[in-house]
N, C-alpha and C. Protein backbone atom coordinates (compact mmCIF):
# COMPACT_ATOMS: atom_id res chain seq x y z
N VAL A 1 71.68 -214.14 84.50
CA VAL A 1 71.63 -215.76 83.97
C VAL A 1 70.29 -215.23 83.85
N ARG A 2 69.11 -215.22 84.19
CA ARG A 2 67.41 -215.03 84.07
C ARG A 2 67.44 -214.02 82.61
N ALA A 3 68.23 -212.86 82.53
CA ALA A 3 68.30 -212.15 80.91
C ALA A 3 68.77 -212.98 80.08
N TYR A 4 69.98 -213.63 79.89
CA TYR A 4 70.09 -214.66 78.89
C TYR A 4 69.84 -215.11 78.66
N PHE A 5 68.74 -216.25 79.41
CA PHE A 5 68.45 -217.38 79.16
C PHE A 5 66.86 -217.03 78.80
N GLU A 6 65.95 -215.74 79.02
CA GLU A 6 64.83 -215.30 78.60
C GLU A 6 65.34 -214.38 76.89
N ALA A 7 66.53 -214.11 76.24
CA ALA A 7 66.91 -213.59 75.70
C ALA A 7 67.07 -214.98 74.72
N GLU A 8 67.60 -216.22 75.17
CA GLU A 8 67.73 -217.18 74.97
C GLU A 8 66.41 -217.93 73.75
N MET A 9 65.31 -218.59 75.03
CA MET A 9 64.64 -218.27 74.76
C MET A 9 63.40 -218.16 73.31
N ALA A 10 63.42 -217.03 74.08
CA ALA A 10 63.14 -215.54 73.08
C ALA A 10 63.97 -215.37 70.97
N GLY A 11 64.60 -215.90 70.86
CA GLY A 11 64.90 -216.15 70.45
C GLY A 11 65.85 -215.11 69.32
N ASP A 12 65.66 -214.15 71.14
CA ASP A 12 66.47 -212.15 70.77
C ASP A 12 68.32 -212.60 70.75
N HIS A 13 68.19 -212.71 68.95
CA HIS A 13 69.99 -213.15 68.73
C HIS A 13 71.08 -211.84 68.63
N ALA A 14 70.10 -211.04 68.73
CA ALA A 14 70.77 -209.39 69.02
C ALA A 14 71.21 -209.23 70.65
N ARG A 15 69.77 -209.50 71.71
CA ARG A 15 70.15 -209.53 72.04
C ARG A 15 71.39 -210.40 73.23
N VAL A 16 71.20 -212.40 72.62
CA VAL A 16 71.67 -212.95 73.54
C VAL A 16 73.65 -212.28 73.06
N TRP A 17 73.87 -211.55 72.39
CA TRP A 17 74.83 -211.86 72.08
C TRP A 17 75.64 -210.68 72.09
N GLU A 18 74.60 -209.34 73.33
CA GLU A 18 74.94 -208.17 73.09
C GLU A 18 75.27 -209.10 75.27
N MET A 19 74.76 -210.16 75.29
CA MET A 19 75.03 -210.78 76.75
C MET A 19 76.05 -211.87 76.97
N LEU A 20 76.57 -211.40 76.08
CA LEU A 20 78.16 -212.42 76.00
C LEU A 20 78.86 -211.42 76.48
N ALA A 21 79.71 -211.32 77.35
CA ALA A 21 80.68 -210.80 78.28
C ALA A 21 81.91 -210.37 77.02
N PRO A 22 82.23 -209.55 77.29
CA PRO A 22 83.57 -209.08 75.67
C PRO A 22 84.78 -209.44 76.32
N SER A 23 85.35 -209.63 77.70
CA SER A 23 85.85 -210.87 77.51
C SER A 23 85.99 -212.38 77.46
N SER A 24 84.91 -212.88 77.00
CA SER A 24 84.36 -213.86 76.65
C SER A 24 85.98 -214.36 75.98
N LYS A 25 85.97 -216.16 76.20
CA LYS A 25 86.08 -216.86 74.45
C LYS A 25 86.05 -216.28 73.06
N PHE A 26 84.63 -216.66 73.34
CA PHE A 26 83.90 -217.01 72.20
C PHE A 26 83.27 -215.11 71.11
N LYS A 27 83.35 -214.36 72.25
CA LYS A 27 83.11 -213.45 71.46
C LYS A 27 84.89 -212.66 71.41
N ARG A 28 85.99 -213.14 71.89
CA ARG A 28 86.98 -212.61 71.30
C ARG A 28 87.45 -212.79 70.04
N MET A 29 86.83 -214.08 70.37
CA MET A 29 87.13 -214.89 68.38
C MET A 29 86.40 -215.11 67.36
N TYR A 30 84.78 -215.12 68.12
CA TYR A 30 84.16 -214.52 65.98
C TYR A 30 83.85 -213.00 66.02
N SER A 31 82.73 -212.68 65.21
CA SER A 31 82.37 -211.21 65.15
C SER A 31 80.62 -211.92 64.67
N TYR A 32 79.60 -211.42 65.03
CA TYR A 32 78.30 -211.22 65.16
C TYR A 32 77.55 -211.70 63.71
N PRO A 33 78.14 -211.72 63.08
CA PRO A 33 77.90 -212.00 61.33
C PRO A 33 78.20 -213.67 61.49
N PHE A 34 79.42 -214.41 62.29
CA PHE A 34 79.37 -215.95 62.38
C PHE A 34 78.56 -216.06 63.28
N TYR A 35 78.60 -215.70 64.58
CA TYR A 35 77.22 -215.94 65.47
C TYR A 35 76.01 -216.28 64.96
N GLU A 36 75.64 -215.23 63.64
CA GLU A 36 73.97 -215.08 63.30
C GLU A 36 74.34 -216.51 62.54
N GLU A 37 75.53 -217.01 61.91
CA GLU A 37 76.10 -218.09 61.43
C GLU A 37 75.30 -219.28 61.42
N LEU A 38 75.34 -219.18 62.88
CA LEU A 38 75.95 -220.21 63.49
C LEU A 38 74.66 -221.16 63.81
N ILE A 39 73.75 -220.24 64.67
CA ILE A 39 72.68 -220.03 64.72
C ILE A 39 71.54 -219.77 63.37
N ARG A 40 72.02 -220.00 62.28
CA ARG A 40 71.03 -220.72 61.05
C ARG A 40 71.37 -221.98 60.80
N GLU A 41 72.71 -222.70 60.97
CA GLU A 41 72.86 -223.58 61.24
C GLU A 41 72.63 -224.93 61.59
N ASN A 42 72.26 -224.12 63.02
CA ASN A 42 72.50 -224.58 64.21
C ASN A 42 70.47 -225.00 65.08
N PRO A 43 69.57 -225.39 64.20
CA PRO A 43 68.37 -225.78 64.41
C PRO A 43 68.12 -225.54 66.55
N VAL A 44 68.89 -225.93 67.07
CA VAL A 44 67.80 -226.58 68.87
C VAL A 44 68.40 -224.88 68.86
N ARG A 45 67.51 -224.75 69.87
CA ARG A 45 66.94 -223.82 70.34
C ARG A 45 66.81 -223.61 71.67
N VAL A 46 66.85 -222.79 72.91
CA VAL A 46 66.27 -223.13 74.55
C VAL A 46 64.87 -222.95 75.07
N LYS A 47 64.07 -224.15 75.00
CA LYS A 47 62.61 -224.06 75.37
C LYS A 47 62.47 -223.62 77.00
N SER A 48 63.46 -224.04 77.48
CA SER A 48 63.02 -223.69 79.01
C SER A 48 63.75 -224.62 79.84
N TYR A 49 63.84 -222.95 80.88
CA TYR A 49 65.09 -223.67 81.64
C TYR A 49 64.87 -223.30 83.40
N MET A 50 65.32 -224.29 84.03
CA MET A 50 65.52 -223.11 85.80
C MET A 50 67.13 -223.39 86.45
N ILE A 51 67.15 -222.91 86.88
CA ILE A 51 68.26 -222.26 87.99
C ILE A 51 68.29 -222.64 88.96
N GLU A 52 69.55 -224.02 88.57
CA GLU A 52 69.45 -224.49 90.36
C GLU A 52 70.42 -224.33 91.44
N GLU A 53 70.77 -223.67 90.92
CA GLU A 53 72.59 -223.16 91.94
C GLU A 53 73.38 -221.97 91.09
N VAL A 54 73.62 -221.04 92.37
CA VAL A 54 75.00 -220.15 92.23
C VAL A 54 76.26 -221.20 92.49
N VAL A 55 76.80 -221.91 92.16
CA VAL A 55 77.64 -222.39 92.65
C VAL A 55 78.90 -221.67 93.83
N GLU A 56 79.20 -220.98 92.77
CA GLU A 56 79.89 -219.76 93.78
C GLU A 56 80.36 -218.60 92.87
N ILE A 57 80.73 -217.83 93.61
CA ILE A 57 81.39 -216.58 93.19
C ILE A 57 82.56 -215.69 93.61
N TYR A 58 83.40 -216.07 92.54
CA TYR A 58 84.78 -214.79 93.18
C TYR A 58 85.35 -214.06 92.24
N ASP A 59 86.54 -213.37 93.14
CA ASP A 59 87.20 -212.20 92.71
C ASP A 59 88.28 -212.79 91.73
N ASN A 60 87.88 -212.21 90.51
CA ASN A 60 89.27 -211.91 89.05
C ASN A 60 90.00 -212.48 89.84
N PRO A 61 90.86 -213.50 89.55
CA PRO A 61 91.80 -214.25 89.62
C PRO A 61 93.11 -213.77 89.00
N ASP A 62 92.83 -213.13 87.81
CA ASP A 62 93.36 -212.70 86.87
C ASP A 62 93.08 -211.54 86.15
N GLN A 63 93.79 -210.40 87.54
CA GLN A 63 93.22 -209.01 86.65
C GLN A 63 94.12 -208.58 85.00
N GLU A 64 95.33 -209.09 85.34
CA GLU A 64 96.07 -209.15 83.73
C GLU A 64 95.91 -209.70 82.96
N GLN A 65 95.03 -210.96 82.38
CA GLN A 65 94.93 -211.66 81.57
C GLN A 65 93.19 -211.19 81.16
N MET A 66 92.61 -210.56 82.28
CA MET A 66 90.78 -209.96 82.23
C MET A 66 90.57 -209.10 82.55
N PRO A 67 91.50 -207.33 82.32
CA PRO A 67 91.49 -206.47 83.10
C PRO A 67 90.01 -206.00 83.52
N LEU A 68 88.32 -206.36 82.99
CA LEU A 68 87.46 -206.15 82.87
C LEU A 68 87.21 -206.11 83.45
N VAL A 69 87.31 -208.14 83.98
CA VAL A 69 86.37 -208.77 85.26
C VAL A 69 86.17 -208.08 86.17
N GLU A 70 85.66 -208.30 86.98
CA GLU A 70 85.07 -207.62 88.41
C GLU A 70 85.17 -209.12 88.76
N LYS A 71 84.12 -210.06 88.95
CA LYS A 71 83.78 -211.40 89.54
C LYS A 71 83.50 -212.63 88.48
N ILE A 72 84.01 -213.34 89.04
CA ILE A 72 83.30 -214.58 87.98
C ILE A 72 82.37 -215.18 89.18
N GLY A 73 81.33 -215.72 88.05
CA GLY A 73 80.12 -216.25 88.67
C GLY A 73 80.31 -217.82 87.76
N VAL A 74 79.95 -218.80 88.87
CA VAL A 74 79.45 -220.35 88.44
C VAL A 74 78.02 -220.37 88.51
N VAL A 75 76.99 -221.68 87.40
CA VAL A 75 75.15 -221.40 88.27
C VAL A 75 75.22 -222.50 87.01
N ARG A 76 74.84 -223.83 87.47
CA ARG A 76 73.75 -224.36 87.10
C ARG A 76 72.81 -224.33 87.30
N VAL A 77 72.21 -224.88 85.76
CA VAL A 77 71.38 -224.68 85.10
C VAL A 77 70.63 -225.90 84.50
N HIS A 78 69.74 -226.22 84.71
CA HIS A 78 68.48 -227.61 83.36
C HIS A 78 67.94 -226.95 82.89
N VAL A 79 68.07 -226.54 81.43
CA VAL A 79 67.86 -226.49 80.08
C VAL A 79 67.09 -227.35 78.92
N ILE A 80 65.81 -227.77 78.87
CA ILE A 80 65.73 -228.41 77.97
C ILE A 80 65.48 -227.75 76.88
N LEU A 81 66.30 -228.31 75.75
CA LEU A 81 66.15 -227.60 73.95
C LEU A 81 65.77 -228.58 73.81
N SER A 82 65.30 -227.61 72.57
CA SER A 82 64.21 -228.52 71.92
C SER A 82 64.55 -228.38 69.52
N GLY A 83 65.23 -228.73 68.70
CA GLY A 83 65.04 -228.89 67.64
C GLY A 83 63.84 -229.57 67.04
N ASP A 84 64.91 -229.23 65.38
CA ASP A 84 63.63 -229.83 64.33
C ASP A 84 63.62 -231.48 64.98
N GLY A 85 64.19 -232.19 65.47
CA GLY A 85 63.92 -233.98 65.31
C GLY A 85 62.87 -234.38 65.80
N GLY A 86 62.52 -233.03 66.30
CA GLY A 86 61.72 -233.48 66.98
C GLY A 86 60.74 -233.74 68.83
N GLU A 87 61.95 -234.95 69.24
CA GLU A 87 62.10 -234.38 70.72
C GLU A 87 62.36 -233.75 71.76
N ASP A 88 62.04 -233.13 72.88
CA ASP A 88 63.12 -232.34 73.37
C ASP A 88 64.35 -232.87 74.10
N THR A 89 65.41 -232.00 74.28
CA THR A 89 67.25 -232.88 74.77
C THR A 89 66.94 -231.85 76.67
N GLU A 90 67.28 -232.38 77.37
CA GLU A 90 67.09 -232.09 78.84
C GLU A 90 68.66 -232.10 79.38
N GLN A 91 69.79 -231.30 79.47
CA GLN A 91 70.67 -231.34 80.55
C GLN A 91 70.66 -230.28 81.77
N THR A 92 71.76 -231.04 82.13
CA THR A 92 72.38 -229.88 83.86
C THR A 92 73.39 -229.74 83.28
N SER A 93 73.68 -227.63 82.72
CA SER A 93 75.31 -228.05 82.89
C SER A 93 75.80 -226.81 83.69
N THR A 94 76.62 -226.25 83.51
CA THR A 94 77.89 -225.73 84.59
C THR A 94 77.72 -224.31 83.92
N PHE A 95 77.50 -223.07 83.43
CA PHE A 95 77.52 -221.93 82.90
C PHE A 95 78.58 -220.70 83.87
N THR A 96 79.30 -220.31 83.18
CA THR A 96 79.94 -219.15 84.00
C THR A 96 80.07 -217.62 83.35
N PHE A 97 79.46 -216.66 84.02
CA PHE A 97 78.88 -215.26 84.31
C PHE A 97 80.30 -214.99 84.64
N LEU A 98 80.35 -213.20 84.13
CA LEU A 98 81.63 -212.17 84.59
C LEU A 98 80.27 -211.33 84.18
N LYS A 99 81.00 -210.54 85.81
CA LYS A 99 80.97 -209.52 86.08
C LYS A 99 82.14 -208.03 85.75
N GLU A 100 81.83 -207.54 84.25
CA GLU A 100 82.39 -206.03 83.68
C GLU A 100 81.73 -205.32 84.04
N THR A 101 82.35 -204.40 84.44
CA THR A 101 81.42 -202.97 84.55
C THR A 101 80.22 -202.83 84.98
N GLY A 102 80.35 -203.48 86.11
CA GLY A 102 79.25 -203.70 87.03
C GLY A 102 77.99 -204.31 86.88
N LYS A 103 78.19 -205.14 85.27
CA LYS A 103 77.04 -205.66 84.73
C LYS A 103 77.61 -207.01 84.65
N TRP A 104 77.12 -208.09 84.74
CA TRP A 104 77.06 -210.40 85.04
C TRP A 104 76.51 -209.98 83.27
N LEU A 105 77.51 -211.08 82.89
CA LEU A 105 77.28 -211.22 81.43
C LEU A 105 78.28 -212.69 81.11
N LYS A 106 77.52 -213.58 80.45
CA LYS A 106 77.03 -214.71 79.76
C LYS A 106 79.45 -214.88 79.47
N GLY A 107 79.78 -215.25 79.71
CA GLY A 107 81.08 -215.51 80.01
C GLY A 107 81.71 -216.27 79.06
């Protein structure tokens, strides 16, 4: 979770892309060039974050649909976003992370 959000804060788009799980819906549906285009069109960036709670970690209940996924983690994170509009936006969101081939990645 920390590595993912640190890459987001640094604006390291290649690293963020690497940290998306291959099994994630987003990565299965879109290409890296499409992701880069989304980033260019959206001026919102992660300014800071705080991990509030690891809500749960559990074994993959659907090995047939997600054969690479070993575990699923649910994490609540408070994020401050900045954009070109001036004021920051704060939100607390729940994120899913997947453990694939021994490595935790954003779902």
